[in-house]
Amino acid sequence: MRPLHVVASTAEAEALIRKLSLAGWTRRDGFALMDTSWDIGPQTLVCVGRLGDTHTASQAVLAAARGAGVVAICDPTGALGRRVRRDLERIGPLGWMPGTGEASANDVGLDEQQCKLLDHLAQGLTIAAAAEAEFISLRTANRRIAAARRSFGVSTTRQAVVAYVQHISAADG
């Protein structure tokens, strides 16, 4: 797991960076990464900066895809902010902070049936097949998965499955 945040002000960003620094994350101003290795996740690097254009936003998303944490400063409700939030949500759940406890399905409010459905989906089953495997109706399965999407703060089932797998992987250490 890595911290992925889109905040409205420098003050919010600085508060997040202070917390991340205490948890062992290293601050890097800007989003352009010069490191030649693709996976920089083990470095616990968090990139911070103001997003003023689509190029900088693309660099922020690329940094997150390479494993860096991201604290992006822009209007989260503006067009650029919405785009960056959507792109970052494809990489992982927004708002995660280290030290908030061990990752588990209960951290995001999932019940046992939601976890089982997401497990089935992570294994490649369709929602219909997952519902059948759990002996529930397709409608119930869709409602449970929609609730899981809301819990993770994502908009698609695929994003929920990715967030769930990442969340559980972090719990396993």
Foldseek 3Di string as FASTA:
>chain_A
DAAEEEEADPVVVVVQVVLLVVVPAAEDEAQADPDPDQAPQVNNYEYEYEDDDVVSLVSQLSSVQNRYHYYYHHPCPDPSNVVSQQSVLQSEFHDDDPPPDAFDLPVLPADPLLLQQLVCVLVPDDLCVSCVVVVHHSVVSVVSLVVLCVSSVHDDSSSSSNHNVVRVVRNVD
